[in-house]
Amino acid sequence: MTSAFQEMAVDMCRSRDLLSVAKQLSVAYSTLERWYYQLAPQRLAQPKEHGAPEGVCLDEFALQKGHKYGVNLMDAQTGHIWQVTEGRSREQVRNALQQWPFRKAPHVVVTDLAPGMAETVCQVWKHTLVVADKFHVIQLF
């Protein structure tokens, strides 16, 4: 596959889930997932071109399943990926939040149900509301 095709596929994932993009492009989900996590850091939105987002999604992902993990911060409204950081420990998440490229913290952070994530967000951004994402809440039922 050409790099232009890979970049196009990654761009499609900003507004759609990886599975539907993989099916549409007839590529393996694991291949698209690998492209996404390799190319996403290079395709981050530049803070100087945008205002600080009101809401941010914070999620962990596998760079290499079972071995290497990362955390990303994404604008909840535009889908811009602001930050991709390796690691998922509380200290690594705290460092990622402290490197936030804007002066003001977001008003809302949407994350999964991991207690460590929510607690760390509250420690770093004391006035930010933390909300559990609906995908993880629905899985409880």
N, C-alpha and C. Protein backbone atom coordinates (compact mmCIF):
# COMPACT_ATOMS: atom_id res chain seq x y z
N MET A 1 0.83 -1.17 0.00
CA MET A 1 0.00 0.00 0.00
C MET A 1 0.89 1.25 0.00
N THR A 2 0.45 2.25 -0.70
CA THR A 2 1.21 3.49 -0.75
C THR A 2 1.02 4.29 0.53
N SER A 3 1.97 5.16 0.81
CA SER A 3 1.84 5.99 2.02
C SER A 3 0.65 6.93 1.90
N ALA A 4 0.34 7.39 0.68
CA ALA A 4 -0.82 8.27 0.48
C ALA A 4 -2.11 7.53 0.84
N PHE A 5 -2.20 6.25 0.47
CA PHE A 5 -3.38 5.45 0.80
C PHE A 5 -3.49 5.27 2.31
N GLN A 6 -2.36 4.98 2.96
CA GLN A 6 -2.35 4.81 4.41
C GLN A 6 -2.80 6.09 5.11
N GLU A 7 -2.30 7.23 4.66
CA GLU A 7 -2.68 8.52 5.25
C GLU A 7 -4.16 8.81 5.05
N MET A 8 -4.67 8.48 3.85
CA MET A 8 -6.10 8.68 3.59
C MET A 8 -6.93 7.81 4.53
N ALA A 9 -6.51 6.55 4.70
CA ALA A 9 -7.23 5.64 5.58
C ALA A 9 -7.23 6.16 7.02
N VAL A 10 -6.10 6.65 7.47
CA VAL A 10 -6.00 7.20 8.83
C VAL A 10 -6.89 8.43 8.97
N ASP A 11 -6.91 9.28 7.97
CA ASP A 11 -7.77 10.46 8.01
C ASP A 11 -9.25 10.07 8.09
N MET A 12 -9.63 9.00 7.40
CA MET A 12 -11.02 8.54 7.46
C MET A 12 -11.40 8.11 8.88
N CYS A 13 -10.43 7.65 9.64
CA CYS A 13 -10.68 7.16 11.00
C CYS A 13 -10.93 8.29 11.99
N ARG A 14 -10.73 9.51 11.58
CA ARG A 14 -10.99 10.63 12.49
C ARG A 14 -12.48 10.81 12.74
N SER A 15 -13.30 10.43 11.77
CA SER A 15 -14.74 10.64 11.93
C SER A 15 -15.53 9.32 11.94
N ARG A 16 -14.84 8.21 11.79
CA ARG A 16 -15.52 6.91 11.77
C ARG A 16 -14.70 5.90 12.55
N ASP A 17 -15.33 4.80 12.93
CA ASP A 17 -14.59 3.78 13.66
C ASP A 17 -13.70 2.99 12.72
N LEU A 18 -12.64 2.42 13.27
CA LEU A 18 -11.67 1.70 12.48
C LEU A 18 -12.27 0.51 11.74
N LEU A 19 -13.19 -0.20 12.37
CA LEU A 19 -13.77 -1.38 11.75
C LEU A 19 -14.51 -1.04 10.46
N SER A 20 -15.33 0.01 10.48
CA SER A 20 -16.08 0.36 9.27
C SER A 20 -15.14 0.86 8.16
N VAL A 21 -14.09 1.57 8.53
CA VAL A 21 -13.12 2.02 7.53
C VAL A 21 -12.38 0.82 6.94
N ALA A 22 -11.98 -0.12 7.78
CA ALA A 22 -11.28 -1.32 7.30
C ALA A 22 -12.15 -2.09 6.32
N LYS A 23 -13.43 -2.25 6.65
CA LYS A 23 -14.35 -2.96 5.74
C LYS A 23 -14.50 -2.21 4.42
N GLN A 24 -14.68 -0.89 4.49
CA GLN A 24 -14.87 -0.10 3.27
C GLN A 24 -13.66 -0.18 2.35
N LEU A 25 -12.46 -0.16 2.94
CA LEU A 25 -11.23 -0.15 2.14
C LEU A 25 -10.70 -1.56 1.86
N SER A 26 -11.38 -2.57 2.40
CA SER A 26 -10.96 -3.97 2.23
C SER A 26 -9.54 -4.21 2.71
N VAL A 27 -9.24 -3.70 3.89
CA VAL A 27 -7.96 -3.99 4.53
C VAL A 27 -8.24 -4.63 5.88
N ALA A 28 -7.30 -5.40 6.36
CA ALA A 28 -7.47 -6.04 7.66
C ALA A 28 -7.54 -4.99 8.76
N TYR A 29 -8.41 -5.25 9.73
CA TYR A 29 -8.56 -4.32 10.86
C TYR A 29 -7.21 -4.09 11.54
N SER A 30 -6.45 -5.16 11.77
CA SER A 30 -5.17 -5.03 12.47
C SER A 30 -4.18 -4.18 11.66
N THR A 31 -4.26 -4.26 10.34
CA THR A 31 -3.39 -3.44 9.49
C THR A 31 -3.76 -1.97 9.62
N LEU A 32 -5.05 -1.68 9.53
CA LEU A 32 -5.50 -0.29 9.67
C LEU A 32 -5.17 0.25 11.06
N GLU A 33 -5.35 -0.58 12.07
CA GLU A 33 -5.03 -0.17 13.44
C GLU A 33 -3.54 0.18 13.57
N ARG A 34 -2.69 -0.64 12.98
CA ARG A 34 -1.24 -0.37 13.01
C ARG A 34 -0.94 0.93 12.29
N TRP A 35 -1.50 1.16 11.11
CA TRP A 35 -1.28 2.43 10.38
C TRP A 35 -1.72 3.60 11.23
N TYR A 36 -2.90 3.46 11.84
CA TYR A 36 -3.47 4.56 12.61
C TYR A 36 -2.52 4.98 13.74
N TYR A 37 -2.04 4.03 14.51
CA TYR A 37 -1.21 4.37 15.65
C TYR A 37 0.22 4.74 15.26
N GLN A 38 0.65 4.35 14.06
CA GLN A 38 1.95 4.79 13.57
C GLN A 38 1.87 6.21 13.02
N LEU A 39 0.79 6.51 12.30
CA LEU A 39 0.69 7.80 11.62
C LEU A 39 0.02 8.89 12.44
N ALA A 40 -0.81 8.52 13.40
CA ALA A 40 -1.56 9.53 14.17
C ALA A 40 -0.66 10.58 14.82
N PRO A 41 0.45 10.20 15.46
CA PRO A 41 1.28 11.25 16.08
C PRO A 41 1.81 12.28 15.08
N GLN A 42 2.09 11.86 13.86
CA GLN A 42 2.61 12.78 12.84
C GLN A 42 1.51 13.68 12.29
N ARG A 43 0.27 13.27 12.46
CA ARG A 43 -0.85 14.01 11.88
C ARG A 43 -1.64 14.78 12.93
N LEU A 44 -1.00 15.03 14.07
CA LEU A 44 -1.67 15.78 15.14
C LEU A 44 -1.99 17.19 14.69
N ALA A 45 -3.10 17.69 15.16
CA ALA A 45 -3.45 19.09 14.91
C ALA A 45 -2.46 19.98 15.64
N GLN A 46 -2.21 21.14 15.10
CA GLN A 46 -1.27 22.09 15.71
C GLN A 46 -2.04 23.09 16.57
N PRO A 47 -1.70 23.21 17.85
CA PRO A 47 -2.44 24.10 18.76
C PRO A 47 -2.53 25.54 18.28
N LYS A 48 -1.49 26.05 17.65
CA LYS A 48 -1.51 27.45 17.22
C LYS A 48 -2.56 27.72 16.15
N GLU A 49 -3.06 26.65 15.51
CA GLU A 49 -4.07 26.79 14.47
C GLU A 49 -5.49 26.65 15.01
N HIS A 50 -5.64 26.35 16.29
CA HIS A 50 -6.95 26.07 16.87
C HIS A 50 -7.07 26.69 18.25
N GLY A 51 -8.31 26.93 18.66
CA GLY A 51 -8.57 27.34 20.03
C GLY A 51 -8.57 26.12 20.95
N ALA A 52 -8.46 26.35 22.23
CA ALA A 52 -8.48 25.25 23.19
C ALA A 52 -9.84 24.56 23.17
N PRO A 53 -9.87 23.25 23.09
CA PRO A 53 -11.14 22.54 23.05
C PRO A 53 -11.84 22.56 24.41
N GLU A 54 -13.16 22.56 24.37
CA GLU A 54 -13.96 22.52 25.60
C GLU A 54 -14.01 21.11 26.18
N GLY A 55 -14.04 20.12 25.30
CA GLY A 55 -14.12 18.72 25.73
C GLY A 55 -13.04 17.89 25.08
N VAL A 56 -12.49 16.96 25.84
CA VAL A 56 -11.40 16.11 25.36
C VAL A 56 -11.72 14.66 25.69
N CYS A 57 -11.40 13.76 24.76
CA CYS A 57 -11.51 12.33 25.02
C CYS A 57 -10.12 11.81 25.38
N LEU A 58 -10.04 11.08 26.45
CA LEU A 58 -8.78 10.50 26.93
C LEU A 58 -8.95 8.99 26.90
N ASP A 59 -8.08 8.31 26.17
CA ASP A 59 -8.22 6.86 26.07
C ASP A 59 -6.86 6.21 25.94
N GLU A 60 -6.79 4.98 26.40
CA GLU A 60 -5.57 4.21 26.24
C GLU A 60 -5.75 3.29 25.04
N PHE A 61 -4.63 2.90 24.45
CA PHE A 61 -4.68 2.00 23.30
C PHE A 61 -3.42 1.15 23.30
N ALA A 62 -3.47 0.04 22.58
CA ALA A 62 -2.32 -0.86 22.49
C ALA A 62 -1.48 -0.48 21.28
N LEU A 63 -0.22 -0.16 21.53
CA LEU A 63 0.72 0.04 20.43
C LEU A 63 1.17 -1.33 19.93
N GLN A 64 1.33 -2.25 20.88
CA GLN A 64 1.66 -3.64 20.58
C GLN A 64 0.92 -4.46 21.62
N LYS A 65 -0.12 -5.15 21.19
CA LYS A 65 -1.03 -5.83 22.12
C LYS A 65 -0.28 -6.66 23.17
N GLY A 66 -0.62 -6.39 24.43
CA GLY A 66 -0.03 -7.13 25.54
C GLY A 66 1.35 -6.67 25.95
N HIS A 67 1.94 -5.73 25.22
CA HIS A 67 3.31 -5.33 25.52
C HIS A 67 3.50 -3.84 25.71
N LYS A 68 2.92 -3.06 24.83
CA LYS A 68 3.21 -1.63 24.79
C LYS A 68 1.91 -0.86 24.62
N TYR A 69 1.69 0.12 25.49
CA TYR A 69 0.44 0.88 25.46
C TYR A 69 0.72 2.37 25.37
N GLY A 70 -0.31 3.10 25.01
CA GLY A 70 -0.21 4.54 24.92
C GLY A 70 -1.52 5.18 25.32
N VAL A 71 -1.49 6.50 25.42
CA VAL A 71 -2.67 7.29 25.77
C VAL A 71 -2.80 8.40 24.74
N ASN A 72 -4.03 8.67 24.31
CA ASN A 72 -4.22 9.81 23.40
C ASN A 72 -5.25 10.78 23.97
N LEU A 73 -5.07 12.04 23.61
CA LEU A 73 -6.00 13.11 23.96
C LEU A 73 -6.55 13.65 22.65
N MET A 74 -7.88 13.61 22.51
CA MET A 74 -8.51 13.99 21.26
C MET A 74 -9.64 14.98 21.53
N ASP A 75 -9.77 15.98 20.68
CA ASP A 75 -10.86 16.95 20.78
C ASP A 75 -12.18 16.21 20.59
N ALA A 76 -13.08 16.34 21.55
CA ALA A 76 -14.35 15.61 21.51
C ALA A 76 -15.27 16.09 20.39
N GLN A 77 -15.10 17.32 19.93
CA GLN A 77 -15.99 17.85 18.89
C GLN A 77 -15.41 17.70 17.49
N THR A 78 -14.15 18.00 17.32
CA THR A 78 -13.57 18.00 15.97
C THR A 78 -12.87 16.70 15.61
N GLY A 79 -12.49 15.92 16.62
CA GLY A 79 -11.74 14.70 16.36
C GLY A 79 -10.24 14.93 16.21
N HIS A 80 -9.78 16.18 16.35
CA HIS A 80 -8.34 16.44 16.28
C HIS A 80 -7.64 15.67 17.39
N ILE A 81 -6.57 14.99 17.05
CA ILE A 81 -5.76 14.31 18.04
C ILE A 81 -4.70 15.31 18.49
N TRP A 82 -4.75 15.67 19.76
CA TRP A 82 -3.83 16.68 20.27
C TRP A 82 -2.56 16.07 20.80
N GLN A 83 -2.64 14.86 21.26
CA GLN A 83 -1.47 14.30 21.91
C GLN A 83 -1.54 12.78 21.89
N VAL A 84 -0.41 12.14 21.65
CA VAL A 84 -0.27 10.70 21.78
C VAL A 84 0.97 10.48 22.63
N THR A 85 0.81 9.77 23.74
CA THR A 85 1.90 9.56 24.67
C THR A 85 2.05 8.08 24.94
N GLU A 86 3.28 7.61 24.98
CA GLU A 86 3.52 6.21 25.27
C GLU A 86 3.33 5.95 26.76
N GLY A 87 2.75 4.80 27.09
CA GLY A 87 2.55 4.40 28.48
C GLY A 87 1.14 4.68 28.95
N ARG A 88 0.74 3.98 30.03
CA ARG A 88 -0.60 4.19 30.55
C ARG A 88 -0.64 4.21 32.08
N SER A 89 0.52 4.26 32.71
CA SER A 89 0.54 4.33 34.18
C SER A 89 0.02 5.70 34.61
N ARG A 90 -0.33 5.82 35.88
CA ARG A 90 -0.82 7.11 36.38
C ARG A 90 0.21 8.21 36.16
N GLU A 91 1.47 7.89 36.41
CA GLU A 91 2.53 8.89 36.23
C GLU A 91 2.63 9.31 34.76
N GLN A 92 2.55 8.37 33.85
CA GLN A 92 2.64 8.69 32.43
C GLN A 92 1.43 9.50 31.97
N VAL A 93 0.24 9.16 32.49
CA VAL A 93 -0.96 9.93 32.15
C VAL A 93 -0.84 11.34 32.72
N ARG A 94 -0.36 11.45 33.96
CA ARG A 94 -0.17 12.77 34.59
C ARG A 94 0.79 13.62 33.74
N ASN A 95 1.90 13.02 33.31
CA ASN A 95 2.86 13.75 32.47
C ASN A 95 2.22 14.20 31.16
N ALA A 96 1.40 13.34 30.58
CA ALA A 96 0.72 13.70 29.32
C ALA A 96 -0.21 14.89 29.54
N LEU A 97 -0.97 14.86 30.63
CA LEU A 97 -1.90 15.96 30.91
C LEU A 97 -1.14 17.26 31.20
N GLN A 98 -0.01 17.15 31.86
CA GLN A 98 0.77 18.35 32.18
C GLN A 98 1.42 18.96 30.94
N GLN A 99 1.53 18.18 29.87
CA GLN A 99 2.09 18.68 28.61
C GLN A 99 1.00 19.23 27.68
N TRP A 100 -0.20 19.38 28.18
CA TRP A 100 -1.33 19.89 27.41
C TRP A 100 -0.89 21.18 26.71
N PRO A 101 -1.08 21.30 25.40
CA PRO A 101 -0.52 22.43 24.66
C PRO A 101 -1.29 23.75 24.77
N PHE A 102 -2.33 23.80 25.57
CA PHE A 102 -3.11 25.03 25.71
C PHE A 102 -2.98 25.58 27.12
N ARG A 103 -3.23 26.88 27.26
CA ARG A 103 -3.14 27.51 28.58
C ARG A 103 -4.22 27.03 29.53
N LYS A 104 -5.44 26.88 29.00
CA LYS A 104 -6.53 26.47 29.90
C LYS A 104 -6.88 25.00 29.69
N ALA A 105 -7.24 24.38 30.79
CA ALA A 105 -7.65 22.97 30.75
C ALA A 105 -9.04 22.87 30.13
N PRO A 106 -9.36 21.72 29.56
CA PRO A 106 -10.72 21.54 29.03
C PRO A 106 -11.74 21.53 30.15
N HIS A 107 -12.99 21.85 29.82
CA HIS A 107 -14.07 21.81 30.81
C HIS A 107 -14.48 20.38 31.13
N VAL A 108 -14.41 19.49 30.12
CA VAL A 108 -14.87 18.11 30.28
C VAL A 108 -13.85 17.16 29.68
N VAL A 109 -13.61 16.05 30.37
CA VAL A 109 -12.79 14.97 29.84
C VAL A 109 -13.65 13.71 29.83
N VAL A 110 -13.76 13.09 28.67
CA VAL A 110 -14.50 11.84 28.52
C VAL A 110 -13.48 10.71 28.50
N THR A 111 -13.68 9.74 29.37
CA THR A 111 -12.73 8.63 29.45
C THR A 111 -13.47 7.34 29.77
N ASP A 112 -12.73 6.24 29.81
CA ASP A 112 -13.36 4.96 30.16
C ASP A 112 -13.56 4.89 31.67
N LEU A 113 -13.90 3.75 32.15
CA LEU A 113 -14.25 3.60 33.57
C LEU A 113 -13.04 3.29 34.46
N ALA A 114 -11.84 3.37 33.92
CA ALA A 114 -10.65 3.10 34.72
C ALA A 114 -10.51 4.17 35.81
N PRO A 115 -10.55 3.76 37.08
CA PRO A 115 -10.50 4.75 38.15
C PRO A 115 -9.22 5.57 38.14
N GLY A 116 -8.12 4.99 37.74
CA GLY A 116 -6.86 5.72 37.69
C GLY A 116 -6.88 6.89 36.74
N MET A 117 -7.55 6.73 35.61
CA MET A 117 -7.64 7.83 34.64
C MET A 117 -8.40 9.00 35.23
N ALA A 118 -9.59 8.73 35.76
CA ALA A 118 -10.43 9.80 36.30
C ALA A 118 -9.73 10.51 37.46
N GLU A 119 -9.13 9.74 38.36
CA GLU A 119 -8.44 10.33 39.50
C GLU A 119 -7.27 11.20 39.06
N THR A 120 -6.52 10.74 38.08
CA THR A 120 -5.37 11.50 37.60
C THR A 120 -5.82 12.79 36.94
N VAL A 121 -6.88 12.74 36.14
CA VAL A 121 -7.41 13.96 35.52
C VAL A 121 -7.80 14.96 36.60
N CYS A 122 -8.48 14.49 37.63
CA CYS A 122 -8.93 15.39 38.72
C CYS A 122 -7.76 15.98 39.50
N GLN A 123 -6.66 15.25 39.60
CA GLN A 123 -5.48 15.77 40.29
C GLN A 123 -4.80 16.87 39.48
N VAL A 124 -4.71 16.67 38.17
CA VAL A 124 -4.00 17.64 37.31
C VAL A 124 -4.89 18.83 36.96
N TRP A 125 -6.13 18.55 36.56
CA TRP A 125 -7.07 19.60 36.18
C TRP A 125 -8.21 19.62 37.19
N LYS A 126 -8.03 20.32 38.26
CA LYS A 126 -8.94 20.28 39.40
C LYS A 126 -10.37 20.72 39.09
N HIS A 127 -10.58 21.59 38.12
CA HIS A 127 -11.92 22.11 37.82
C HIS A 127 -12.55 21.46 36.59
N THR A 128 -11.93 20.39 36.11
CA THR A 128 -12.44 19.70 34.93
C THR A 128 -13.39 18.58 35.34
N LEU A 129 -14.52 18.50 34.66
CA LEU A 129 -15.51 17.46 34.90
C LEU A 129 -15.10 16.20 34.14
N VAL A 130 -15.12 15.05 34.81
CA VAL A 130 -14.77 13.78 34.17
C VAL A 130 -16.05 12.99 33.94
N VAL A 131 -16.23 12.52 32.70
CA VAL A 131 -17.44 11.80 32.30
C VAL A 131 -17.03 10.45 31.71
N ALA A 132 -17.75 9.38 32.07
CA ALA A 132 -17.50 8.05 31.50
C ALA A 132 -18.12 8.00 30.11
N ASP A 133 -17.37 7.44 29.15
CA ASP A 133 -17.92 7.38 27.79
C ASP A 133 -19.00 6.31 27.70
N LYS A 134 -19.96 6.56 26.82
CA LYS A 134 -21.14 5.68 26.73
C LYS A 134 -20.78 4.28 26.26
N PHE A 135 -19.74 4.14 25.46
CA PHE A 135 -19.36 2.81 24.97
C PHE A 135 -19.04 1.90 26.15
N HIS A 136 -18.25 2.38 27.10
CA HIS A 136 -17.87 1.56 28.24
C HIS A 136 -19.03 1.36 29.22
N VAL A 137 -19.88 2.35 29.36
CA VAL A 137 -21.04 2.22 30.25
C VAL A 137 -22.00 1.18 29.70
N ILE A 138 -22.26 1.20 28.40
CA ILE A 138 -23.19 0.25 27.77
C ILE A 138 -22.70 -1.18 27.95
N GLN A 139 -21.38 -1.38 27.95
CA GLN A 139 -20.83 -2.73 28.10
C GLN A 139 -21.15 -3.34 29.47
N LEU A 140 -21.52 -2.52 30.44
CA LEU A 140 -21.86 -3.03 31.77
C LEU A 140 -23.21 -3.74 31.79
N PHE A 141 -24.05 -3.48 30.80
CA PHE A 141 -25.41 -4.02 30.80
C PHE A 141 -25.59 -5.14 29.80
